[in-house]
Amino acid sequence: MNQVISRRLLIITLLSVGLILVMMVSLFRLHSHQVAANVELAHIMKIQLNLDLLRSHIWQYHQYDDDIALVQAQETQMMLSELLNNSTILPSSSLTEIVNLQRMNITMGTLLKMQISEPMPDSFGETEQSSMLQARLNMTIQGMAEDLYRLHQRSIEEAQHISLNILYFNGVLLLVIAAVLALFAYATLRRFRVGFTMLHYGMRDLAKGELTSRLRPGPRDEFTQLAEFFNQMKDSLQKSTIKRDLLQYEVEQQTSQLRAQHIKLQYLAEHDELTGLFNRRAFSNQVTIAMARSKRTHSHAALLFIDLDFFKEINDNHGHDAGDFVLKTVAEKLKALVRESDLIGRLGGDEFVVWLDLLGESKEAEKKTKQISSTLSEAIGWHDKTLAMGASIGMAMYPEQGKTFSELLKLADHGMYEDKKRRRDNASSSLQTTH
């Protein structure tokens, strides 16, 4: 693969890093030179201060004949000698001035020793000799001050010269690196612009559904490879595209199937799969709506809880097919017995619930309950067999006995168990009477 743009970007990155390093080295060199120049100037200033102090002590001695000042002058001269001998701090280009200062400082030490050993003048000749010694001391100090001034100026000029050289060198180097960096950046930008423009037009044609056009890449690089992949993709799309009418028909067929499956799933989510009646959750929701309707119209309603008798025996003796047939038959009978406004649900197993809606009085519910019980007690024919049936029913009235579905269901369930017990007791009594 031709990684042209990647190599350019790598070069740009390396040049950027080099530019940063050059700037850091340049700043470090300038800082180091500045520190060294400050040290030199500080040392020269210290020499200057000691020379001024030496001048002051000598003046004080000649003005007031102060022997202590003369001793202090000699001590200051010795300190000055130590400072001048520390040539590593002083600039190397000022060797002449440093040698002159050291030589004159030695002369200054000799003159001070002569001054200390010389007795107080008491004649004209001795006075003239003392004046000559004083003049030599002043001339030596003046000469040292002039050389020290030249040393100070040369140190400043040398520091400026080195700083300018560093700045010129680093400036040229930075300009070269920046120019190369700009050149590579411009070439990469130009290639990116051309490549993205090519891809833009290709994507636009693809969005319009145009599959015949192809990209025409330029030099071999990453955009060339992208263009080749893009053309291959359009070739595959063109080969695999079917007729629009057929595709639309297929989409409509799948949409219709999905809609039918959605309706079926929605139906199964609310209905019992075997009998087609409402399941417990859907029946509860429908009853809640019916109760709100009854409350607005100030009407009565009843909830019937139905449990089939002998259902377990039918399942055990004749199998689950017979049991499923019985449940379907019971569901059909319940649908035939109630009105369209009434609700029927299966809670599970052989338990059914019926909501008798919009009743005028409780007698209507009792009458309908007896009718349901009588109908469900009829035997059911299955193949060549007769299946004995029966039903225990409990009833709860709305709103007299409860105002929520759970309250009514609990009361109806309790009534169903009482009805079942009463049936068993009646059956036992009949059996004992027969015997």
Protein backbone atom coordinates (compact mmCIF):
# COMPACT_ATOMS: atom_id res chain seq x y z
CA MET A 1 0.00 0.00 0.00
CA ASN A 2 1.19 3.52 -0.87
CA GLN A 3 1.16 5.38 2.43
CA VAL A 4 2.08 8.75 0.88
CA ILE A 5 -0.14 10.96 3.00
CA SER A 6 0.74 9.01 6.13
CA ARG A 7 4.45 9.57 5.47
CA ARG A 8 3.81 13.26 4.89
CA LEU A 9 1.89 13.54 8.13
CA LEU A 10 4.70 11.67 9.93
CA ILE A 11 7.25 14.10 8.47
CA ILE A 12 5.08 17.05 9.54
CA THR A 13 4.89 15.59 13.03
CA LEU A 14 8.66 15.06 13.19
CA LEU A 15 9.31 18.58 11.87
CA SER A 16 6.91 19.99 14.47
CA VAL A 17 8.73 18.09 17.20
CA GLY A 18 12.07 19.30 15.80
CA LEU A 19 10.78 22.87 15.75
CA ILE A 20 9.76 22.58 19.39
CA LEU A 21 13.13 21.05 20.33
CA VAL A 22 15.05 23.80 18.49
CA MET A 23 13.04 26.45 20.29
CA MET A 24 13.66 24.75 23.63
CA VAL A 25 17.42 24.43 22.97
CA SER A 26 17.55 28.04 21.79
CA LEU A 27 15.80 29.28 24.90
CA PHE A 28 18.03 27.11 27.09
CA ARG A 29 21.21 28.41 25.43
CA LEU A 30 20.03 32.01 25.78
CA HIS A 31 19.19 31.42 29.40
CA SER A 32 22.58 29.77 30.11
CA HIS A 33 24.48 32.58 28.38
CA GLN A 34 22.44 35.19 30.24
CA VAL A 35 23.22 33.51 33.55
CA ALA A 36 26.94 33.40 32.69
CA ALA A 37 26.90 37.06 31.61
CA ASN A 38 25.16 38.05 34.85
CA VAL A 39 27.81 36.17 36.85
CA GLU A 40 30.61 37.97 34.95
CA LEU A 41 29.00 41.38 35.44
CA ALA A 42 28.38 40.68 39.13
CA HIS A 43 32.08 39.72 39.56
CA ILE A 44 33.21 42.87 37.74
CA MET A 45 30.89 44.96 39.93
CA LYS A 46 32.41 43.36 43.01
CA ILE A 47 35.90 44.27 41.74
CA GLN A 48 34.64 47.82 41.08
CA LEU A 49 33.24 48.11 44.61
CA ASN A 50 36.52 46.92 46.15
CA LEU A 51 38.49 49.36 43.98
CA ASP A 52 36.22 52.24 45.07
CA LEU A 53 36.64 51.11 48.68
CA LEU A 54 40.45 51.04 48.23
CA ARG A 55 40.36 54.56 46.77
CA SER A 56 38.27 55.71 49.76
CA HIS A 57 40.71 54.22 52.31
CA ILE A 58 43.75 55.80 50.63
CA TRP A 59 41.99 59.17 50.45
CA GLN A 60 41.07 58.92 54.12
CA TYR A 61 44.70 58.10 55.01
CA HIS A 62 46.18 61.03 53.10
CA GLN A 63 43.49 63.41 54.29
CA TYR A 64 43.60 62.56 58.01
CA ASP A 65 46.85 60.54 58.42
CA ASP A 66 44.65 57.67 59.62
CA ASP A 67 46.82 54.57 60.05
CA ILE A 68 43.74 52.38 60.44
CA ALA A 69 42.56 53.49 57.01
CA LEU A 70 45.96 52.49 55.59
CA VAL A 71 45.66 49.03 57.11
CA GLN A 72 42.11 48.71 55.73
CA ALA A 73 43.41 49.79 52.33
CA GLN A 74 45.98 46.98 52.40
CA GLU A 75 43.28 44.43 53.37
CA THR A 76 41.04 45.68 50.55
CA GLN A 77 43.97 45.37 48.11
CA MET A 78 44.44 41.74 49.14
CA MET A 79 40.75 41.02 48.59
CA LEU A 80 41.00 42.71 45.21
CA SER A 81 43.94 40.45 44.38
CA GLU A 82 41.84 37.36 45.15
CA LEU A 83 39.02 38.60 42.94
CA LEU A 84 41.36 39.31 40.02
CA ASN A 85 43.07 35.93 40.34
CA ASN A 86 39.68 34.18 39.90
CA SER A 87 39.98 34.43 36.12
CA THR A 88 37.51 31.60 35.39
CA ILE A 89 34.60 33.92 36.06
CA LEU A 90 35.98 36.82 34.03
CA PRO A 91 35.54 36.91 30.21
CA SER A 92 38.33 35.12 28.30
CA SER A 93 38.40 37.79 25.59
CA SER A 94 39.56 40.43 28.10
CA LEU A 95 42.86 38.77 28.98
CA THR A 96 44.87 41.98 28.39
CA GLU A 97 42.75 44.03 30.78
CA ILE A 98 42.83 41.25 33.39
CA VAL A 99 46.66 41.00 33.19
CA ASN A 100 46.97 44.79 33.48
CA LEU A 101 44.65 44.84 36.48
CA GLN A 102 46.61 42.05 38.18
CA ARG A 103 49.93 43.83 37.48
CA MET A 104 48.65 47.20 38.72
CA ASN A 105 47.15 45.53 41.80
CA ILE A 106 50.58 44.06 42.61
CA THR A 107 52.06 47.53 42.19
CA MET A 108 49.34 48.87 44.46
CA GLY A 109 50.29 46.32 47.11
CA THR A 110 53.97 47.29 46.87
CA LEU A 111 53.14 51.00 47.17
CA LEU A 112 50.94 50.36 50.20
CA LYS A 113 53.76 48.42 51.90
CA MET A 114 56.11 51.32 51.17
CA GLN A 115 53.56 53.72 52.60
CA ILE A 116 53.28 51.68 55.80
CA SER A 117 57.05 51.40 56.28
CA GLU A 118 57.69 55.10 55.48
CA PRO A 119 58.07 57.35 58.59
CA MET A 120 56.12 60.56 58.98
CA PRO A 121 57.75 63.34 56.86
CA ASP A 122 59.58 66.00 58.89
CA SER A 123 61.63 67.68 56.16
CA PHE A 124 61.02 69.05 52.70
CA GLY A 125 62.62 66.09 50.99
CA GLU A 126 60.56 63.57 52.86
CA THR A 127 57.40 65.54 52.13
CA GLU A 128 58.18 65.58 48.42
CA GLN A 129 58.85 61.83 48.51
CA SER A 130 55.50 61.21 50.26
CA SER A 131 53.69 63.33 47.66
CA MET A 132 55.25 61.30 44.86
CA LEU A 133 54.15 58.06 46.55
CA GLN A 134 50.63 59.42 46.90
CA ALA A 135 50.59 60.45 43.25
CA ARG A 136 51.68 56.95 42.16
CA LEU A 137 48.93 55.43 44.28
CA ASN A 138 46.33 57.68 42.67
CA MET A 139 47.69 57.02 39.18
CA THR A 140 47.61 53.25 39.79
CA ILE A 141 44.04 53.40 41.08
CA GLN A 142 43.03 55.55 38.09
CA GLY A 143 44.64 53.08 35.69
CA MET A 144 42.88 50.15 37.34
CA ALA A 145 39.56 52.03 37.10
CA GLU A 146 40.08 52.62 33.37
CA ASP A 147 41.00 48.97 32.69
CA LEU A 148 38.09 47.82 34.81
CA TYR A 149 35.76 50.06 32.78
CA ARG A 150 37.08 48.56 29.54
CA LEU A 151 36.65 45.07 31.05
CA HIS A 152 33.07 45.90 31.93
CA GLN A 153 32.31 47.24 28.44
CA ARG A 154 33.94 44.28 26.71
CA SER A 155 31.97 41.86 28.87
CA ILE A 156 28.74 43.58 27.88
CA GLU A 157 29.69 43.65 24.19
CA GLU A 158 30.71 40.00 24.23
CA ALA A 159 27.42 39.00 25.88
CA GLN A 160 25.48 40.94 23.27
CA HIS A 161 27.55 39.42 20.46
CA ILE A 162 26.99 35.86 21.66
CA SER A 163 23.27 36.50 22.18
CA LEU A 164 22.92 37.89 18.66
CA ASN A 165 24.82 34.93 17.19
CA ILE A 166 22.54 32.51 19.02
CA LEU A 167 19.46 34.39 17.89
CA TYR A 168 20.63 34.57 14.26
CA PHE A 169 21.55 30.89 14.13
CA ASN A 170 18.37 29.70 15.80
CA GLY A 171 16.28 32.11 13.76
CA VAL A 172 17.68 30.77 10.48
CA LEU A 173 17.23 27.19 11.66
CA LEU A 174 13.66 27.88 12.75
CA LEU A 175 12.87 29.57 9.44
CA VAL A 176 14.22 26.59 7.50
CA ILE A 177 12.26 24.08 9.56
CA ALA A 178 9.11 26.23 9.40
CA ALA A 179 9.45 26.58 5.62
CA VAL A 180 9.83 22.83 5.12
CA LEU A 181 6.95 22.22 7.53
CA ALA A 182 4.74 24.70 5.67
CA LEU A 183 5.68 23.10 2.32
CA PHE A 184 4.73 19.61 3.50
CA ALA A 185 1.58 20.92 5.17
CA TYR A 186 0.51 22.74 2.00
CA ALA A 187 1.13 19.67 -0.17
CA THR A 188 -0.81 17.46 2.26
CA LEU A 189 -3.66 20.00 2.49
CA ARG A 190 -3.85 20.24 -1.30
CA ARG A 191 -4.02 16.45 -1.63
CA PHE A 192 -6.68 16.25 1.10
CA ARG A 193 -8.74 18.90 -0.66
CA VAL A 194 -8.56 17.09 -3.99
CA GLY A 195 -9.27 13.72 -2.41
CA PHE A 196 -12.23 14.91 -0.35
CA THR A 197 -13.70 16.73 -3.34
CA MET A 198 -13.49 13.51 -5.34
CA LEU A 199 -15.15 11.52 -2.55
CA HIS A 200 -17.80 14.23 -2.11
CA TYR A 201 -18.94 13.99 -5.72
CA GLY A 202 -18.89 10.20 -5.54
CA MET A 203 -21.06 10.19 -2.38
CA ARG A 204 -23.44 12.70 -3.97
CA ASP A 205 -23.94 10.50 -7.03
CA LEU A 206 -24.42 7.46 -4.79
CA ALA A 207 -27.04 9.32 -2.73
CA LYS A 208 -28.94 10.08 -5.95
CA GLY A 209 -28.95 6.39 -6.84
CA GLU A 210 -26.40 6.76 -9.63
CA LEU A 211 -24.45 3.49 -9.77
CA THR A 212 -22.78 3.79 -13.19
CA SER A 213 -20.35 6.63 -12.48
CA ARG A 214 -16.89 5.86 -11.11
CA LEU A 215 -14.25 7.87 -9.27
CA ARG A 216 -11.07 8.78 -11.15
CA PRO A 217 -8.24 8.94 -8.60
CA GLY A 218 -4.97 10.79 -9.16
CA PRO A 219 -1.52 9.80 -7.84
CA ARG A 220 -1.15 6.60 -5.87
CA ASP A 221 -1.88 7.32 -2.23
CA GLU A 222 -4.49 6.58 0.44
CA PHE A 223 -7.21 8.47 -1.45
CA THR A 224 -6.50 6.32 -4.51
CA GLN A 225 -7.11 3.20 -2.43
CA LEU A 226 -10.33 4.70 -1.01
CA ALA A 227 -11.50 5.53 -4.52
CA GLU A 228 -10.79 1.96 -5.67
CA PHE A 229 -12.72 0.52 -2.71
CA PHE A 230 -15.58 2.95 -3.44
CA ASN A 231 -15.70 1.87 -7.09
CA GLN A 232 -15.69 -1.79 -6.05
CA MET A 233 -18.57 -1.09 -3.69
CA LYS A 234 -20.59 0.54 -6.48
CA ASP A 235 -19.84 -2.45 -8.73
CA SER A 236 -21.20 -4.80 -6.06
CA LEU A 237 -24.27 -2.62 -5.54
CA GLN A 238 -24.93 -2.43 -9.28
CA LYS A 239 -24.66 -6.21 -9.65
CA SER A 240 -26.86 -6.97 -6.63
CA THR A 241 -29.59 -4.36 -7.34
CA ILE A 242 -32.99 -5.80 -8.26
CA LYS A 243 -35.84 -4.06 -10.04
CA ARG A 244 -37.47 -1.26 -8.14
CA ASP A 245 -40.99 -2.62 -8.51
CA LEU A 246 -39.93 -6.05 -7.25
CA LEU A 247 -38.10 -4.52 -4.33
CA GLN A 248 -41.10 -2.36 -3.47
CA TYR A 249 -43.39 -5.37 -3.68
CA GLU A 250 -41.06 -7.37 -1.41
CA VAL A 251 -41.01 -4.52 1.10
CA GLU A 252 -44.81 -4.27 1.04
CA GLN A 253 -45.12 -8.03 1.54
CA GLN A 254 -42.76 -7.99 4.49
CA THR A 255 -44.52 -4.94 5.95
CA SER A 256 -47.88 -6.69 5.62
CA GLN A 257 -46.51 -9.81 7.31
CA LEU A 258 -45.02 -7.76 10.11
CA ARG A 259 -48.32 -5.94 10.58
CA ALA A 260 -50.20 -9.24 10.73
CA GLN A 261 -47.67 -10.65 13.18
CA HIS A 262 -47.99 -7.51 15.29
CA ILE A 263 -51.79 -7.85 15.36
CA LYS A 264 -51.48 -11.53 16.23
CA LEU A 265 -48.97 -10.85 19.00
CA GLN A 266 -51.15 -8.08 20.36
CA TYR A 267 -54.14 -10.43 20.32
CA LEU A 268 -52.17 -13.21 22.05
CA ALA A 269 -50.95 -10.72 24.65
CA GLU A 270 -54.55 -10.01 25.68
CA HIS A 271 -56.32 -13.33 24.98
CA ASP A 272 -56.08 -16.93 26.07
CA GLU A 273 -54.52 -18.92 23.22
CA LEU A 274 -56.78 -21.97 23.64
CA THR A 275 -60.22 -20.42 24.10
CA GLY A 276 -59.76 -16.95 22.60
CA LEU A 277 -61.14 -15.35 25.78
CA PHE A 278 -59.53 -12.45 27.62
CA ASN A 279 -56.57 -13.42 29.83
CA ARG A 280 -56.34 -12.26 33.42
CA ARG A 281 -54.52 -8.95 32.71
CA ALA A 282 -56.73 -7.94 29.77
CA PHE A 283 -59.91 -8.96 31.62
CA SER A 284 -58.85 -6.85 34.62
CA ASN A 285 -58.27 -3.82 32.38
CA GLN A 286 -61.63 -4.26 30.61
CA VAL A 287 -63.47 -4.63 33.93
CA THR A 288 -61.82 -1.45 35.24
CA ILE A 289 -63.12 0.43 32.18
CA ALA A 290 -66.59 -1.14 32.61
CA MET A 291 -66.72 -0.12 36.29
CA ALA A 292 -65.94 3.47 35.34
CA ARG A 293 -68.76 3.33 32.80
CA SER A 294 -71.17 1.87 35.37
CA LYS A 295 -70.19 4.57 37.84
CA ARG A 296 -71.03 7.32 35.30
CA THR A 297 -74.38 5.75 34.43
CA HIS A 298 -75.23 4.78 38.04
CA SER A 299 -75.88 1.20 36.95
CA HIS A 300 -75.08 -2.15 38.54
CA ALA A 301 -72.82 -4.98 37.44
CA ALA A 302 -71.82 -8.43 38.64
CA LEU A 303 -68.63 -10.50 38.56
CA LEU A 304 -69.05 -14.28 38.25
CA PHE A 305 -66.24 -16.66 39.19
CA ILE A 306 -66.72 -20.09 37.53
CA ASP A 307 -64.83 -23.26 38.36
CA LEU A 308 -65.56 -26.43 36.36
CA ASP A 309 -66.45 -29.60 38.29
CA PHE A 310 -64.98 -32.97 37.26
CA PHE A 311 -62.43 -31.27 34.98
CA LYS A 312 -59.47 -32.96 36.69
CA GLU A 313 -61.14 -36.38 36.24
CA ILE A 314 -61.68 -35.69 32.54
CA ASN A 315 -57.98 -34.78 32.09
CA ASP A 316 -56.82 -37.82 34.07
CA ASN A 317 -59.17 -40.34 32.44
CA HIS A 318 -59.36 -39.07 28.86
CA GLY A 319 -56.20 -37.00 28.36
CA HIS A 320 -55.41 -33.34 27.73
CA ASP A 321 -57.06 -33.37 24.31
CA ALA A 322 -60.38 -34.05 25.97
CA GLY A 323 -59.66 -31.35 28.55
CA ASP A 324 -58.84 -28.79 25.84
CA PHE A 325 -62.08 -29.73 24.01
CA VAL A 326 -64.08 -29.19 27.19
CA LEU A 327 -62.49 -25.76 27.78
CA LYS A 328 -63.25 -24.64 24.21
CA THR A 329 -66.82 -25.89 24.50
CA VAL A 330 -67.36 -24.05 27.78
CA ALA A 331 -65.99 -20.87 26.21
CA GLU A 332 -68.43 -21.16 23.29
CA LYS A 333 -71.35 -21.79 25.65
CA LEU A 334 -70.45 -18.72 27.73
CA LYS A 335 -70.25 -16.55 24.61
CA ALA A 336 -73.73 -17.74 23.61
CA LEU A 337 -75.19 -17.05 27.07
CA VAL A 338 -74.02 -13.45 27.63
CA ARG A 339 -74.58 -10.19 25.80
CA GLU A 340 -72.04 -8.37 23.61
CA SER A 341 -71.55 -5.75 26.32
CA ASP A 342 -70.58 -8.45 28.86
CA LEU A 343 -67.03 -9.70 29.29
CA ILE A 344 -65.65 -13.24 29.51
CA GLY A 345 -62.14 -14.25 30.61
CA ARG A 346 -60.14 -17.31 31.51
CA LEU A 347 -57.90 -16.97 34.56
CA GLY A 348 -56.13 -20.25 33.94
CA GLY A 349 -56.84 -23.99 34.22
CA ASP A 350 -60.59 -24.53 34.53
CA GLU A 351 -61.34 -21.10 36.06
CA PHE A 352 -63.48 -18.61 34.11
CA VAL A 353 -64.78 -15.15 34.97
CA VAL A 354 -67.79 -13.29 33.54
CA TRP A 355 -68.61 -9.60 33.90
CA LEU A 356 -72.33 -8.87 33.58
CA ASP A 357 -72.48 -5.22 32.62
CA LEU A 358 -75.22 -2.58 32.95
CA LEU A 359 -77.66 -4.50 35.17
CA GLY A 360 -80.82 -2.96 36.48
CA GLU A 361 -80.95 -5.03 39.71
CA SER A 362 -79.25 -8.02 41.33
CA LYS A 363 -82.05 -10.43 40.32
CA GLU A 364 -80.89 -10.21 36.74
CA ALA A 365 -77.42 -11.42 37.80
CA GLU A 366 -78.89 -14.28 39.86
CA LYS A 367 -81.06 -15.35 36.91
CA LYS A 368 -78.11 -15.29 34.53
CA THR A 369 -76.00 -17.23 37.05
CA LYS A 370 -78.58 -20.03 37.28
CA GLN A 371 -78.81 -20.13 33.47
CA ILE A 372 -75.03 -20.45 33.16
CA SER A 373 -74.86 -23.09 35.88
CA SER A 374 -77.63 -25.12 34.22
CA THR A 375 -76.04 -24.92 30.78
CA LEU A 376 -72.55 -25.85 31.98
CA SER A 377 -73.93 -28.81 33.93
CA GLU A 378 -75.00 -30.49 30.68
CA ALA A 379 -72.83 -33.40 29.57
CA ILE A 380 -70.50 -32.89 26.63
CA GLY A 381 -70.08 -35.44 23.87
CA TRP A 382 -66.53 -36.16 22.85
CA HIS A 383 -65.96 -38.74 20.10
CA ASP A 384 -67.96 -41.76 21.26
CA LYS A 385 -67.88 -40.75 24.94
CA THR A 386 -70.09 -38.60 27.14
CA LEU A 387 -68.24 -36.32 29.57
CA ALA A 388 -70.12 -35.42 32.74
CA MET A 389 -69.82 -31.72 33.59
CA GLY A 390 -70.74 -29.26 36.25
CA ALA A 391 -69.82 -25.74 37.38
CA SER A 392 -69.48 -23.99 40.74
CA ILE A 393 -70.19 -20.26 40.52
CA GLY A 394 -69.55 -17.41 42.92
CA MET A 395 -70.98 -13.90 42.41
CA ALA A 396 -70.05 -10.41 43.64
CA MET A 397 -72.14 -7.30 42.93
CA TYR A 398 -70.81 -3.90 41.93
CA PRO A 399 -70.81 -1.43 43.63
CA GLU A 400 -72.64 -2.93 46.63
CA GLN A 401 -70.01 -5.53 47.54
CA GLY A 402 -66.85 -4.00 46.13
CA LYS A 403 -65.56 -1.11 44.10
CA THR A 404 -62.34 -2.62 42.73
CA PHE A 405 -61.64 -5.66 40.60
CA SER A 406 -59.49 -7.31 43.28
CA GLU A 407 -62.23 -6.91 45.92
CA LEU A 408 -64.91 -8.29 43.65
CA LEU A 409 -62.70 -11.19 42.50
CA LYS A 410 -61.92 -12.14 46.08
CA LEU A 411 -65.61 -12.18 47.04
CA ALA A 412 -66.62 -14.10 43.90
CA ASP A 413 -63.85 -16.64 44.51
CA HIS A 414 -65.07 -17.13 48.07
CA GLY A 415 -68.65 -17.54 46.82
CA MET A 416 -67.49 -20.14 44.29
CA TYR A 417 -65.92 -22.26 47.03
CA GLU A 418 -69.12 -22.04 49.09
CA ASP A 419 -71.14 -23.12 46.05
CA LYS A 420 -68.76 -26.02 45.42
CA LYS A 421 -69.03 -27.11 49.09
CA ARG A 422 -72.82 -26.89 48.94
CA ARG A 423 -72.86 -29.05 45.81
CA ARG A 424 -70.69 -31.67 47.45
CA ASP A 425 -72.85 -31.66 50.57
CA ASN A 426 -75.99 -32.06 48.43
CA ALA A 427 -74.39 -34.86 46.46
CA SER A 428 -73.38 -36.66 49.67
CA SER A 429 -76.88 -36.28 51.12
CA SER A 430 -78.46 -37.66 47.94
CA LEU A 431 -76.10 -40.63 47.97
CA GLN A 432 -76.88 -41.43 51.62
CA THR A 433 -80.63 -41.17 50.92
CA THR A 434 -80.37 -43.57 47.98
CA HIS A 435 -78.55 -46.13 50.06
